[in-house]
PDBML (XML) file of the C-alpha atoms, coordinates in Angstrom:
<?xml version="1.0" encoding="UTF-8" ?>
<PDBx:datablock datablockName="MODEL"
   xmlns:PDBx="http://pdbml.pdb.org/schema/pdbx-v50.xsd"
   xmlns:xsi="http://www.w3.org/2001/XMLSchema-instance"
   xsi:schemaLocation="http://pdbml.pdb.org/schema/pdbx-v50.xsd pdbx-v50.xsd">
   <PDBx:atom_siteCategory>
      <PDBx:atom_site id="1">
         <PDBx:B_iso_or_equiv>0.00</PDBx:B_iso_or_equiv>
         <PDBx:Cartn_x>106.214</PDBx:Cartn_x>
         <PDBx:Cartn_y>159.385</PDBx:Cartn_y>
         <PDBx:Cartn_z>36.158</PDBx:Cartn_z>
         <PDBx:auth_asym_id>A</PDBx:auth_asym_id>
         <PDBx:auth_atom_id>CA</PDBx:auth_atom_id>
         <PDBx:auth_comp_id>ILE</PDBx:auth_comp_id>
         <PDBx:auth_seq_id>1</PDBx:auth_seq_id>
         <PDBx:group_PDB>ATOM</PDBx:group_PDB>
         <PDBx:label_alt_id xsi:nil="true" />
         <PDBx:label_asym_id>A</PDBx:label_asym_id>
         <PDBx:label_atom_id>CA</PDBx:label_atom_id>
         <PDBx:label_comp_id>ILE</PDBx:label_comp_id>
         <PDBx:label_entity_id>1</PDBx:label_entity_id>
         <PDBx:label_seq_id>1</PDBx:label_seq_id>
         <PDBx:occupancy>1.00</PDBx:occupancy>
         <PDBx:pdbx_PDB_model_num>1</PDBx:pdbx_PDB_model_num>
         <PDBx:type_symbol>C</PDBx:type_symbol>
      </PDBx:atom_site>
      <PDBx:atom_site id="2">
         <PDBx:B_iso_or_equiv>0.00</PDBx:B_iso_or_equiv>
         <PDBx:Cartn_x>104.529</PDBx:Cartn_x>
         <PDBx:Cartn_y>160.455</PDBx:Cartn_y>
         <PDBx:Cartn_z>32.709</PDBx:Cartn_z>
         <PDBx:auth_asym_id>A</PDBx:auth_asym_id>
         <PDBx:auth_atom_id>CA</PDBx:auth_atom_id>
         <PDBx:auth_comp_id>ALA</PDBx:auth_comp_id>
         <PDBx:auth_seq_id>2</PDBx:auth_seq_id>
         <PDBx:group_PDB>ATOM</PDBx:group_PDB>
         <PDBx:label_alt_id xsi:nil="true" />
         <PDBx:label_asym_id>A</PDBx:label_asym_id>
         <PDBx:label_atom_id>CA</PDBx:label_atom_id>
         <PDBx:label_comp_id>ALA</PDBx:label_comp_id>
         <PDBx:label_entity_id>1</PDBx:label_entity_id>
         <PDBx:label_seq_id>2</PDBx:label_seq_id>
         <PDBx:occupancy>1.00</PDBx:occupancy>
         <PDBx:pdbx_PDB_model_num>1</PDBx:pdbx_PDB_model_num>
         <PDBx:type_symbol>C</PDBx:type_symbol>
      </PDBx:atom_site>
      <PDBx:atom_site id="3">
         <PDBx:B_iso_or_equiv>0.00</PDBx:B_iso_or_equiv>
         <PDBx:Cartn_x>101.444</PDBx:Cartn_x>
         <PDBx:Cartn_y>158.821</PDBx:Cartn_y>
         <PDBx:Cartn_z>33.112</PDBx:Cartn_z>
         <PDBx:auth_asym_id>A</PDBx:auth_asym_id>
         <PDBx:auth_atom_id>CA</PDBx:auth_atom_id>
         <PDBx:auth_comp_id>ASN</PDBx:auth_comp_id>
         <PDBx:auth_seq_id>3</PDBx:auth_seq_id>
         <PDBx:group_PDB>ATOM</PDBx:group_PDB>
         <PDBx:label_alt_id xsi:nil="true" />
         <PDBx:label_asym_id>A</PDBx:label_asym_id>
         <PDBx:label_atom_id>CA</PDBx:label_atom_id>
         <PDBx:label_comp_id>ASN</PDBx:label_comp_id>
         <PDBx:label_entity_id>1</PDBx:label_entity_id>
         <PDBx:label_seq_id>3</PDBx:label_seq_id>
         <PDBx:occupancy>1.00</PDBx:occupancy>
         <PDBx:pdbx_PDB_model_num>1</PDBx:pdbx_PDB_model_num>
         <PDBx:type_symbol>C</PDBx:type_symbol>
      </PDBx:atom_site>
      <PDBx:atom_site id="4">
         <PDBx:B_iso_or_equiv>0.00</PDBx:B_iso_or_equiv>
         <PDBx:Cartn_x>100.893</PDBx:Cartn_x>
         <PDBx:Cartn_y>159.789</PDBx:Cartn_y>
         <PDBx:Cartn_z>36.593</PDBx:Cartn_z>
         <PDBx:auth_asym_id>A</PDBx:auth_asym_id>
         <PDBx:auth_atom_id>CA</PDBx:auth_atom_id>
         <PDBx:auth_comp_id>MET</PDBx:auth_comp_id>
         <PDBx:auth_seq_id>4</PDBx:auth_seq_id>
         <PDBx:group_PDB>ATOM</PDBx:group_PDB>
         <PDBx:label_alt_id xsi:nil="true" />
         <PDBx:label_asym_id>A</PDBx:label_asym_id>
         <PDBx:label_atom_id>CA</PDBx:label_atom_id>
         <PDBx:label_comp_id>MET</PDBx:label_comp_id>
         <PDBx:label_entity_id>1</PDBx:label_entity_id>
         <PDBx:label_seq_id>4</PDBx:label_seq_id>
         <PDBx:occupancy>1.00</PDBx:occupancy>
         <PDBx:pdbx_PDB_model_num>1</PDBx:pdbx_PDB_model_num>
         <PDBx:type_symbol>C</PDBx:type_symbol>
      </PDBx:atom_site>
      <PDBx:atom_site id="5">
         <PDBx:B_iso_or_equiv>0.00</PDBx:B_iso_or_equiv>
         <PDBx:Cartn_x>101.312</PDBx:Cartn_x>
         <PDBx:Cartn_y>163.702</PDBx:Cartn_y>
         <PDBx:Cartn_z>35.867</PDBx:Cartn_z>
         <PDBx:auth_asym_id>A</PDBx:auth_asym_id>
         <PDBx:auth_atom_id>CA</PDBx:auth_atom_id>
         <PDBx:auth_comp_id>ALA</PDBx:auth_comp_id>
         <PDBx:auth_seq_id>5</PDBx:auth_seq_id>
         <PDBx:group_PDB>ATOM</PDBx:group_PDB>
         <PDBx:label_alt_id xsi:nil="true" />
         <PDBx:label_asym_id>A</PDBx:label_asym_id>
         <PDBx:label_atom_id>CA</PDBx:label_atom_id>
         <PDBx:label_comp_id>ALA</PDBx:label_comp_id>
         <PDBx:label_entity_id>1</PDBx:label_entity_id>
         <PDBx:label_seq_id>5</PDBx:label_seq_id>
         <PDBx:occupancy>1.00</PDBx:occupancy>
         <PDBx:pdbx_PDB_model_num>1</PDBx:pdbx_PDB_model_num>
         <PDBx:type_symbol>C</PDBx:type_symbol>
      </PDBx:atom_site>
      <PDBx:atom_site id="6">
         <PDBx:B_iso_or_equiv>0.00</PDBx:B_iso_or_equiv>
         <PDBx:Cartn_x>99.258</PDBx:Cartn_x>
         <PDBx:Cartn_y>162.651</PDBx:Cartn_y>
         <PDBx:Cartn_z>33.130</PDBx:Cartn_z>
         <PDBx:auth_asym_id>A</PDBx:auth_asym_id>
         <PDBx:auth_atom_id>CA</PDBx:auth_atom_id>
         <PDBx:auth_comp_id>TYR</PDBx:auth_comp_id>
         <PDBx:auth_seq_id>6</PDBx:auth_seq_id>
         <PDBx:group_PDB>ATOM</PDBx:group_PDB>
         <PDBx:label_alt_id xsi:nil="true" />
         <PDBx:label_asym_id>A</PDBx:label_asym_id>
         <PDBx:label_atom_id>CA</PDBx:label_atom_id>
         <PDBx:label_comp_id>TYR</PDBx:label_comp_id>
         <PDBx:label_entity_id>1</PDBx:label_entity_id>
         <PDBx:label_seq_id>6</PDBx:label_seq_id>
         <PDBx:occupancy>1.00</PDBx:occupancy>
         <PDBx:pdbx_PDB_model_num>1</PDBx:pdbx_PDB_model_num>
         <PDBx:type_symbol>C</PDBx:type_symbol>
      </PDBx:atom_site>
      <PDBx:atom_site id="7">
         <PDBx:B_iso_or_equiv>0.00</PDBx:B_iso_or_equiv>
         <PDBx:Cartn_x>96.344</PDBx:Cartn_x>
         <PDBx:Cartn_y>161.476</PDBx:Cartn_y>
         <PDBx:Cartn_z>35.030</PDBx:Cartn_z>
         <PDBx:auth_asym_id>A</PDBx:auth_asym_id>
         <PDBx:auth_atom_id>CA</PDBx:auth_atom_id>
         <PDBx:auth_comp_id>ALA</PDBx:auth_comp_id>
         <PDBx:auth_seq_id>7</PDBx:auth_seq_id>
         <PDBx:group_PDB>ATOM</PDBx:group_PDB>
         <PDBx:label_alt_id xsi:nil="true" />
         <PDBx:label_asym_id>A</PDBx:label_asym_id>
         <PDBx:label_atom_id>CA</PDBx:label_atom_id>
         <PDBx:label_comp_id>ALA</PDBx:label_comp_id>
         <PDBx:label_entity_id>1</PDBx:label_entity_id>
         <PDBx:label_seq_id>7</PDBx:label_seq_id>
         <PDBx:occupancy>1.00</PDBx:occupancy>
         <PDBx:pdbx_PDB_model_num>1</PDBx:pdbx_PDB_model_num>
         <PDBx:type_symbol>C</PDBx:type_symbol>
      </PDBx:atom_site>
      <PDBx:atom_site id="8">
         <PDBx:B_iso_or_equiv>0.00</PDBx:B_iso_or_equiv>
         <PDBx:Cartn_x>96.354</PDBx:Cartn_x>
         <PDBx:Cartn_y>164.706</PDBx:Cartn_y>
         <PDBx:Cartn_z>36.711</PDBx:Cartn_z>
         <PDBx:auth_asym_id>A</PDBx:auth_asym_id>
         <PDBx:auth_atom_id>CA</PDBx:auth_atom_id>
         <PDBx:auth_comp_id>VAL</PDBx:auth_comp_id>
         <PDBx:auth_seq_id>8</PDBx:auth_seq_id>
         <PDBx:group_PDB>ATOM</PDBx:group_PDB>
         <PDBx:label_alt_id xsi:nil="true" />
         <PDBx:label_asym_id>A</PDBx:label_asym_id>
         <PDBx:label_atom_id>CA</PDBx:label_atom_id>
         <PDBx:label_comp_id>VAL</PDBx:label_comp_id>
         <PDBx:label_entity_id>1</PDBx:label_entity_id>
         <PDBx:label_seq_id>8</PDBx:label_seq_id>
         <PDBx:occupancy>1.00</PDBx:occupancy>
         <PDBx:pdbx_PDB_model_num>1</PDBx:pdbx_PDB_model_num>
         <PDBx:type_symbol>C</PDBx:type_symbol>
      </PDBx:atom_site>
      <PDBx:atom_site id="9">
         <PDBx:B_iso_or_equiv>0.00</PDBx:B_iso_or_equiv>
         <PDBx:Cartn_x>95.485</PDBx:Cartn_x>
         <PDBx:Cartn_y>166.821</PDBx:Cartn_y>
         <PDBx:Cartn_z>34.041</PDBx:Cartn_z>
         <PDBx:auth_asym_id>A</PDBx:auth_asym_id>
         <PDBx:auth_atom_id>CA</PDBx:auth_atom_id>
         <PDBx:auth_comp_id>PHE</PDBx:auth_comp_id>
         <PDBx:auth_seq_id>9</PDBx:auth_seq_id>
         <PDBx:group_PDB>ATOM</PDBx:group_PDB>
         <PDBx:label_alt_id xsi:nil="true" />
         <PDBx:label_asym_id>A</PDBx:label_asym_id>
         <PDBx:label_atom_id>CA</PDBx:label_atom_id>
         <PDBx:label_comp_id>PHE</PDBx:label_comp_id>
         <PDBx:label_entity_id>1</PDBx:label_entity_id>
         <PDBx:label_seq_id>9</PDBx:label_seq_id>
         <PDBx:occupancy>1.00</PDBx:occupancy>
         <PDBx:pdbx_PDB_model_num>1</PDBx:pdbx_PDB_model_num>
         <PDBx:type_symbol>C</PDBx:type_symbol>
      </PDBx:atom_site>
      <PDBx:atom_site id="10">
         <PDBx:B_iso_or_equiv>0.00</PDBx:B_iso_or_equiv>
         <PDBx:Cartn_x>93.450</PDBx:Cartn_x>
         <PDBx:Cartn_y>164.199</PDBx:Cartn_y>
         <PDBx:Cartn_z>32.390</PDBx:Cartn_z>
         <PDBx:auth_asym_id>A</PDBx:auth_asym_id>
         <PDBx:auth_atom_id>CA</PDBx:auth_atom_id>
         <PDBx:auth_comp_id>GLN</PDBx:auth_comp_id>
         <PDBx:auth_seq_id>10</PDBx:auth_seq_id>
         <PDBx:group_PDB>ATOM</PDBx:group_PDB>
         <PDBx:label_alt_id xsi:nil="true" />
         <PDBx:label_asym_id>A</PDBx:label_asym_id>
         <PDBx:label_atom_id>CA</PDBx:label_atom_id>
         <PDBx:label_comp_id>GLN</PDBx:label_comp_id>
         <PDBx:label_entity_id>1</PDBx:label_entity_id>
         <PDBx:label_seq_id>10</PDBx:label_seq_id>
         <PDBx:occupancy>1.00</PDBx:occupancy>
         <PDBx:pdbx_PDB_model_num>1</PDBx:pdbx_PDB_model_num>
         <PDBx:type_symbol>C</PDBx:type_symbol>
      </PDBx:atom_site>
      <PDBx:atom_site id="11">
         <PDBx:B_iso_or_equiv>0.00</PDBx:B_iso_or_equiv>
         <PDBx:Cartn_x>91.244</PDBx:Cartn_x>
         <PDBx:Cartn_y>164.335</PDBx:Cartn_y>
         <PDBx:Cartn_z>35.390</PDBx:Cartn_z>
         <PDBx:auth_asym_id>A</PDBx:auth_asym_id>
         <PDBx:auth_atom_id>CA</PDBx:auth_atom_id>
         <PDBx:auth_comp_id>GLY</PDBx:auth_comp_id>
         <PDBx:auth_seq_id>11</PDBx:auth_seq_id>
         <PDBx:group_PDB>ATOM</PDBx:group_PDB>
         <PDBx:label_alt_id xsi:nil="true" />
         <PDBx:label_asym_id>A</PDBx:label_asym_id>
         <PDBx:label_atom_id>CA</PDBx:label_atom_id>
         <PDBx:label_comp_id>GLY</PDBx:label_comp_id>
         <PDBx:label_entity_id>1</PDBx:label_entity_id>
         <PDBx:label_seq_id>11</PDBx:label_seq_id>
         <PDBx:occupancy>1.00</PDBx:occupancy>
         <PDBx:pdbx_PDB_model_num>1</PDBx:pdbx_PDB_model_num>
         <PDBx:type_symbol>C</PDBx:type_symbol>
      </PDBx:atom_site>
      <PDBx:atom_site id="12">
         <PDBx:B_iso_or_equiv>0.00</PDBx:B_iso_or_equiv>
         <PDBx:Cartn_x>91.467</PDBx:Cartn_x>
         <PDBx:Cartn_y>168.341</PDBx:Cartn_y>
         <PDBx:Cartn_z>35.810</PDBx:Cartn_z>
         <PDBx:auth_asym_id>A</PDBx:auth_asym_id>
         <PDBx:auth_atom_id>CA</PDBx:auth_atom_id>
         <PDBx:auth_comp_id>LEU</PDBx:auth_comp_id>
         <PDBx:auth_seq_id>12</PDBx:auth_seq_id>
         <PDBx:group_PDB>ATOM</PDBx:group_PDB>
         <PDBx:label_alt_id xsi:nil="true" />
         <PDBx:label_asym_id>A</PDBx:label_asym_id>
         <PDBx:label_atom_id>CA</PDBx:label_atom_id>
         <PDBx:label_comp_id>LEU</PDBx:label_comp_id>
         <PDBx:label_entity_id>1</PDBx:label_entity_id>
         <PDBx:label_seq_id>12</PDBx:label_seq_id>
         <PDBx:occupancy>1.00</PDBx:occupancy>
         <PDBx:pdbx_PDB_model_num>1</PDBx:pdbx_PDB_model_num>
         <PDBx:type_symbol>C</PDBx:type_symbol>
      </PDBx:atom_site>
      <PDBx:atom_site id="13">
         <PDBx:B_iso_or_equiv>0.00</PDBx:B_iso_or_equiv>
         <PDBx:Cartn_x>90.045</PDBx:Cartn_x>
         <PDBx:Cartn_y>168.599</PDBx:Cartn_y>
         <PDBx:Cartn_z>32.265</PDBx:Cartn_z>
         <PDBx:auth_asym_id>A</PDBx:auth_asym_id>
         <PDBx:auth_atom_id>CA</PDBx:auth_atom_id>
         <PDBx:auth_comp_id>MET</PDBx:auth_comp_id>
         <PDBx:auth_seq_id>13</PDBx:auth_seq_id>
         <PDBx:group_PDB>ATOM</PDBx:group_PDB>
         <PDBx:label_alt_id xsi:nil="true" />
         <PDBx:label_asym_id>A</PDBx:label_asym_id>
         <PDBx:label_atom_id>CA</PDBx:label_atom_id>
         <PDBx:label_comp_id>MET</PDBx:label_comp_id>
         <PDBx:label_entity_id>1</PDBx:label_entity_id>
         <PDBx:label_seq_id>13</PDBx:label_seq_id>
         <PDBx:occupancy>1.00</PDBx:occupancy>
         <PDBx:pdbx_PDB_model_num>1</PDBx:pdbx_PDB_model_num>
         <PDBx:type_symbol>C</PDBx:type_symbol>
      </PDBx:atom_site>
      <PDBx:atom_site id="14">
         <PDBx:B_iso_or_equiv>0.00</PDBx:B_iso_or_equiv>
         <PDBx:Cartn_x>87.452</PDBx:Cartn_x>
         <PDBx:Cartn_y>166.156</PDBx:Cartn_y>
         <PDBx:Cartn_z>32.658</PDBx:Cartn_z>
         <PDBx:auth_asym_id>A</PDBx:auth_asym_id>
         <PDBx:auth_atom_id>CA</PDBx:auth_atom_id>
         <PDBx:auth_comp_id>TYR</PDBx:auth_comp_id>
         <PDBx:auth_seq_id>14</PDBx:auth_seq_id>
         <PDBx:group_PDB>ATOM</PDBx:group_PDB>
         <PDBx:label_alt_id xsi:nil="true" />
         <PDBx:label_asym_id>A</PDBx:label_asym_id>
         <PDBx:label_atom_id>CA</PDBx:label_atom_id>
         <PDBx:label_comp_id>TYR</PDBx:label_comp_id>
         <PDBx:label_entity_id>1</PDBx:label_entity_id>
         <PDBx:label_seq_id>14</PDBx:label_seq_id>
         <PDBx:occupancy>1.00</PDBx:occupancy>
         <PDBx:pdbx_PDB_model_num>1</PDBx:pdbx_PDB_model_num>
         <PDBx:type_symbol>C</PDBx:type_symbol>
      </PDBx:atom_site>
      <PDBx:atom_site id="15">
         <PDBx:B_iso_or_equiv>0.00</PDBx:B_iso_or_equiv>
         <PDBx:Cartn_x>86.246</PDBx:Cartn_x>
         <PDBx:Cartn_y>168.013</PDBx:Cartn_y>
         <PDBx:Cartn_z>35.642</PDBx:Cartn_z>
         <PDBx:auth_asym_id>A</PDBx:auth_asym_id>
         <PDBx:auth_atom_id>CA</PDBx:auth_atom_id>
         <PDBx:auth_comp_id>GLY</PDBx:auth_comp_id>
         <PDBx:auth_seq_id>15</PDBx:auth_seq_id>
         <PDBx:group_PDB>ATOM</PDBx:group_PDB>
         <PDBx:label_alt_id xsi:nil="true" />
         <PDBx:label_asym_id>A</PDBx:label_asym_id>
         <PDBx:label_atom_id>CA</PDBx:label_atom_id>
         <PDBx:label_comp_id>GLY</PDBx:label_comp_id>
         <PDBx:label_entity_id>1</PDBx:label_entity_id>
         <PDBx:label_seq_id>15</PDBx:label_seq_id>
         <PDBx:occupancy>1.00</PDBx:occupancy>
         <PDBx:pdbx_PDB_model_num>1</PDBx:pdbx_PDB_model_num>
         <PDBx:type_symbol>C</PDBx:type_symbol>
      </PDBx:atom_site>
      <PDBx:atom_site id="16">
         <PDBx:B_iso_or_equiv>0.00</PDBx:B_iso_or_equiv>
         <PDBx:Cartn_x>85.606</PDBx:Cartn_x>
         <PDBx:Cartn_y>171.151</PDBx:Cartn_y>
         <PDBx:Cartn_z>33.449</PDBx:Cartn_z>
         <PDBx:auth_asym_id>A</PDBx:auth_asym_id>
         <PDBx:auth_atom_id>CA</PDBx:auth_atom_id>
         <PDBx:auth_comp_id>THR</PDBx:auth_comp_id>
         <PDBx:auth_seq_id>16</PDBx:auth_seq_id>
         <PDBx:group_PDB>ATOM</PDBx:group_PDB>
         <PDBx:label_alt_id xsi:nil="true" />
         <PDBx:label_asym_id>A</PDBx:label_asym_id>
         <PDBx:label_atom_id>CA</PDBx:label_atom_id>
         <PDBx:label_comp_id>THR</PDBx:label_comp_id>
         <PDBx:label_entity_id>1</PDBx:label_entity_id>
         <PDBx:label_seq_id>16</PDBx:label_seq_id>
         <PDBx:occupancy>1.00</PDBx:occupancy>
         <PDBx:pdbx_PDB_model_num>1</PDBx:pdbx_PDB_model_num>
         <PDBx:type_symbol>C</PDBx:type_symbol>
      </PDBx:atom_site>
      <PDBx:atom_site id="17">
         <PDBx:B_iso_or_equiv>0.00</PDBx:B_iso_or_equiv>
         <PDBx:Cartn_x>84.875</PDBx:Cartn_x>
         <PDBx:Cartn_y>170.433</PDBx:Cartn_y>
         <PDBx:Cartn_z>29.772</PDBx:Cartn_z>
         <PDBx:auth_asym_id>A</PDBx:auth_asym_id>
         <PDBx:auth_atom_id>CA</PDBx:auth_atom_id>
         <PDBx:auth_comp_id>ARG</PDBx:auth_comp_id>
         <PDBx:auth_seq_id>17</PDBx:auth_seq_id>
         <PDBx:group_PDB>ATOM</PDBx:group_PDB>
         <PDBx:label_alt_id xsi:nil="true" />
         <PDBx:label_asym_id>A</PDBx:label_asym_id>
         <PDBx:label_atom_id>CA</PDBx:label_atom_id>
         <PDBx:label_comp_id>ARG</PDBx:label_comp_id>
         <PDBx:label_entity_id>1</PDBx:label_entity_id>
         <PDBx:label_seq_id>17</PDBx:label_seq_id>
         <PDBx:occupancy>1.00</PDBx:occupancy>
         <PDBx:pdbx_PDB_model_num>1</PDBx:pdbx_PDB_model_num>
         <PDBx:type_symbol>C</PDBx:type_symbol>
      </PDBx:atom_site>
      <PDBx:atom_site id="18">
         <PDBx:B_iso_or_equiv>0.00</PDBx:B_iso_or_equiv>
         <PDBx:Cartn_x>81.470</PDBx:Cartn_x>
         <PDBx:Cartn_y>168.979</PDBx:Cartn_y>
         <PDBx:Cartn_z>30.441</PDBx:Cartn_z>
         <PDBx:auth_asym_id>A</PDBx:auth_asym_id>
         <PDBx:auth_atom_id>CA</PDBx:auth_atom_id>
         <PDBx:auth_comp_id>SER</PDBx:auth_comp_id>
         <PDBx:auth_seq_id>18</PDBx:auth_seq_id>
         <PDBx:group_PDB>ATOM</PDBx:group_PDB>
         <PDBx:label_alt_id xsi:nil="true" />
         <PDBx:label_asym_id>A</PDBx:label_asym_id>
         <PDBx:label_atom_id>CA</PDBx:label_atom_id>
         <PDBx:label_comp_id>SER</PDBx:label_comp_id>
         <PDBx:label_entity_id>1</PDBx:label_entity_id>
         <PDBx:label_seq_id>18</PDBx:label_seq_id>
         <PDBx:occupancy>1.00</PDBx:occupancy>
         <PDBx:pdbx_PDB_model_num>1</PDBx:pdbx_PDB_model_num>
         <PDBx:type_symbol>C</PDBx:type_symbol>
      </PDBx:atom_site>
      <PDBx:atom_site id="19">
         <PDBx:B_iso_or_equiv>0.00</PDBx:B_iso_or_equiv>
         <PDBx:Cartn_x>80.744</PDBx:Cartn_x>
         <PDBx:Cartn_y>172.696</PDBx:Cartn_y>
         <PDBx:Cartn_z>32.173</PDBx:Cartn_z>
         <PDBx:auth_asym_id>A</PDBx:auth_asym_id>
         <PDBx:auth_atom_id>CA</PDBx:auth_atom_id>
         <PDBx:auth_comp_id>ALA</PDBx:auth_comp_id>
         <PDBx:auth_seq_id>19</PDBx:auth_seq_id>
         <PDBx:group_PDB>ATOM</PDBx:group_PDB>
         <PDBx:label_alt_id xsi:nil="true" />
         <PDBx:label_asym_id>A</PDBx:label_asym_id>
         <PDBx:label_atom_id>CA</PDBx:label_atom_id>
         <PDBx:label_comp_id>ALA</PDBx:label_comp_id>
         <PDBx:label_entity_id>1</PDBx:label_entity_id>
         <PDBx:label_seq_id>19</PDBx:label_seq_id>
         <PDBx:occupancy>1.00</PDBx:occupancy>
         <PDBx:pdbx_PDB_model_num>1</PDBx:pdbx_PDB_model_num>
         <PDBx:type_symbol>C</PDBx:type_symbol>
      </PDBx:atom_site>
      <PDBx:atom_site id="20">
         <PDBx:B_iso_or_equiv>0.00</PDBx:B_iso_or_equiv>
         <PDBx:Cartn_x>82.074</PDBx:Cartn_x>
         <PDBx:Cartn_y>174.387</PDBx:Cartn_y>
         <PDBx:Cartn_z>29.091</PDBx:Cartn_z>
         <PDBx:auth_asym_id>A</PDBx:auth_asym_id>
         <PDBx:auth_atom_id>CA</PDBx:auth_atom_id>
         <PDBx:auth_comp_id>ILE</PDBx:auth_comp_id>
         <PDBx:auth_seq_id>20</PDBx:auth_seq_id>
         <PDBx:group_PDB>ATOM</PDBx:group_PDB>
         <PDBx:label_alt_id xsi:nil="true" />
         <PDBx:label_asym_id>A</PDBx:label_asym_id>
         <PDBx:label_atom_id>CA</PDBx:label_atom_id>
         <PDBx:label_comp_id>ILE</PDBx:label_comp_id>
         <PDBx:label_entity_id>1</PDBx:label_entity_id>
         <PDBx:label_seq_id>20</PDBx:label_seq_id>
         <PDBx:occupancy>1.00</PDBx:occupancy>
         <PDBx:pdbx_PDB_model_num>1</PDBx:pdbx_PDB_model_num>
         <PDBx:type_symbol>C</PDBx:type_symbol>
      </PDBx:atom_site>
      <PDBx:atom_site id="21">
         <PDBx:B_iso_or_equiv>0.00</PDBx:B_iso_or_equiv>
         <PDBx:Cartn_x>79.515</PDBx:Cartn_x>
         <PDBx:Cartn_y>172.259</PDBx:Cartn_y>
         <PDBx:Cartn_z>26.955</PDBx:Cartn_z>
         <PDBx:auth_asym_id>A</PDBx:auth_asym_id>
         <PDBx:auth_atom_id>CA</PDBx:auth_atom_id>
         <PDBx:auth_comp_id>MET</PDBx:auth_comp_id>
         <PDBx:auth_seq_id>21</PDBx:auth_seq_id>
         <PDBx:group_PDB>ATOM</PDBx:group_PDB>
         <PDBx:label_alt_id xsi:nil="true" />
         <PDBx:label_asym_id>A</PDBx:label_asym_id>
         <PDBx:label_atom_id>CA</PDBx:label_atom_id>
         <PDBx:label_comp_id>MET</PDBx:label_comp_id>
         <PDBx:label_entity_id>1</PDBx:label_entity_id>
         <PDBx:label_seq_id>21</PDBx:label_seq_id>
         <PDBx:occupancy>1.00</PDBx:occupancy>
         <PDBx:pdbx_PDB_model_num>1</PDBx:pdbx_PDB_model_num>
         <PDBx:type_symbol>C</PDBx:type_symbol>
      </PDBx:atom_site>
      <PDBx:atom_site id="22">
         <PDBx:B_iso_or_equiv>0.00</PDBx:B_iso_or_equiv>
         <PDBx:Cartn_x>76.665</PDBx:Cartn_x>
         <PDBx:Cartn_y>173.203</PDBx:Cartn_y>
         <PDBx:Cartn_z>28.690</PDBx:Cartn_z>
         <PDBx:auth_asym_id>A</PDBx:auth_asym_id>
         <PDBx:auth_atom_id>CA</PDBx:auth_atom_id>
         <PDBx:auth_comp_id>MET</PDBx:auth_comp_id>
         <PDBx:auth_seq_id>22</PDBx:auth_seq_id>
         <PDBx:group_PDB>ATOM</PDBx:group_PDB>
         <PDBx:label_alt_id xsi:nil="true" />
         <PDBx:label_asym_id>A</PDBx:label_asym_id>
         <PDBx:label_atom_id>CA</PDBx:label_atom_id>
         <PDBx:label_comp_id>MET</PDBx:label_comp_id>
         <PDBx:label_entity_id>1</PDBx:label_entity_id>
         <PDBx:label_seq_id>22</PDBx:label_seq_id>
         <PDBx:occupancy>1.00</PDBx:occupancy>
         <PDBx:pdbx_PDB_model_num>1</PDBx:pdbx_PDB_model_num>
         <PDBx:type_symbol>C</PDBx:type_symbol>
      </PDBx:atom_site>
      <PDBx:atom_site id="23">
         <PDBx:B_iso_or_equiv>0.00</PDBx:B_iso_or_equiv>
         <PDBx:Cartn_x>77.511</PDBx:Cartn_x>
         <PDBx:Cartn_y>176.945</PDBx:Cartn_y>
         <PDBx:Cartn_z>28.296</PDBx:Cartn_z>
         <PDBx:auth_asym_id>A</PDBx:auth_asym_id>
         <PDBx:auth_atom_id>CA</PDBx:auth_atom_id>
         <PDBx:auth_comp_id>ASP</PDBx:auth_comp_id>
         <PDBx:auth_seq_id>23</PDBx:auth_seq_id>
         <PDBx:group_PDB>ATOM</PDBx:group_PDB>
         <PDBx:label_alt_id xsi:nil="true" />
         <PDBx:label_asym_id>A</PDBx:label_asym_id>
         <PDBx:label_atom_id>CA</PDBx:label_atom_id>
         <PDBx:label_comp_id>ASP</PDBx:label_comp_id>
         <PDBx:label_entity_id>1</PDBx:label_entity_id>
         <PDBx:label_seq_id>23</PDBx:label_seq_id>
         <PDBx:occupancy>1.00</PDBx:occupancy>
         <PDBx:pdbx_PDB_model_num>1</PDBx:pdbx_PDB_model_num>
         <PDBx:type_symbol>C</PDBx:type_symbol>
      </PDBx:atom_site>
      <PDBx:atom_site id="24">
         <PDBx:B_iso_or_equiv>0.00</PDBx:B_iso_or_equiv>
         <PDBx:Cartn_x>77.094</PDBx:Cartn_x>
         <PDBx:Cartn_y>176.808</PDBx:Cartn_y>
         <PDBx:Cartn_z>24.560</PDBx:Cartn_z>
         <PDBx:auth_asym_id>A</PDBx:auth_asym_id>
         <PDBx:auth_atom_id>CA</PDBx:auth_atom_id>
         <PDBx:auth_comp_id>VAL</PDBx:auth_comp_id>
         <PDBx:auth_seq_id>24</PDBx:auth_seq_id>
         <PDBx:group_PDB>ATOM</PDBx:group_PDB>
         <PDBx:label_alt_id xsi:nil="true" />
         <PDBx:label_asym_id>A</PDBx:label_asym_id>
         <PDBx:label_atom_id>CA</PDBx:label_atom_id>
         <PDBx:label_comp_id>VAL</PDBx:label_comp_id>
         <PDBx:label_entity_id>1</PDBx:label_entity_id>
         <PDBx:label_seq_id>24</PDBx:label_seq_id>
         <PDBx:occupancy>1.00</PDBx:occupancy>
         <PDBx:pdbx_PDB_model_num>1</PDBx:pdbx_PDB_model_num>
         <PDBx:type_symbol>C</PDBx:type_symbol>
      </PDBx:atom_site>
   </PDBx:atom_siteCategory>
</PDBx:datablock>
């Protein structure tokens, strides 16, 4: 349960973090 929930939020994070770094 914990691992599948974590996979959701980790995936969401990876899909956004690179764009933040491009902004700066």
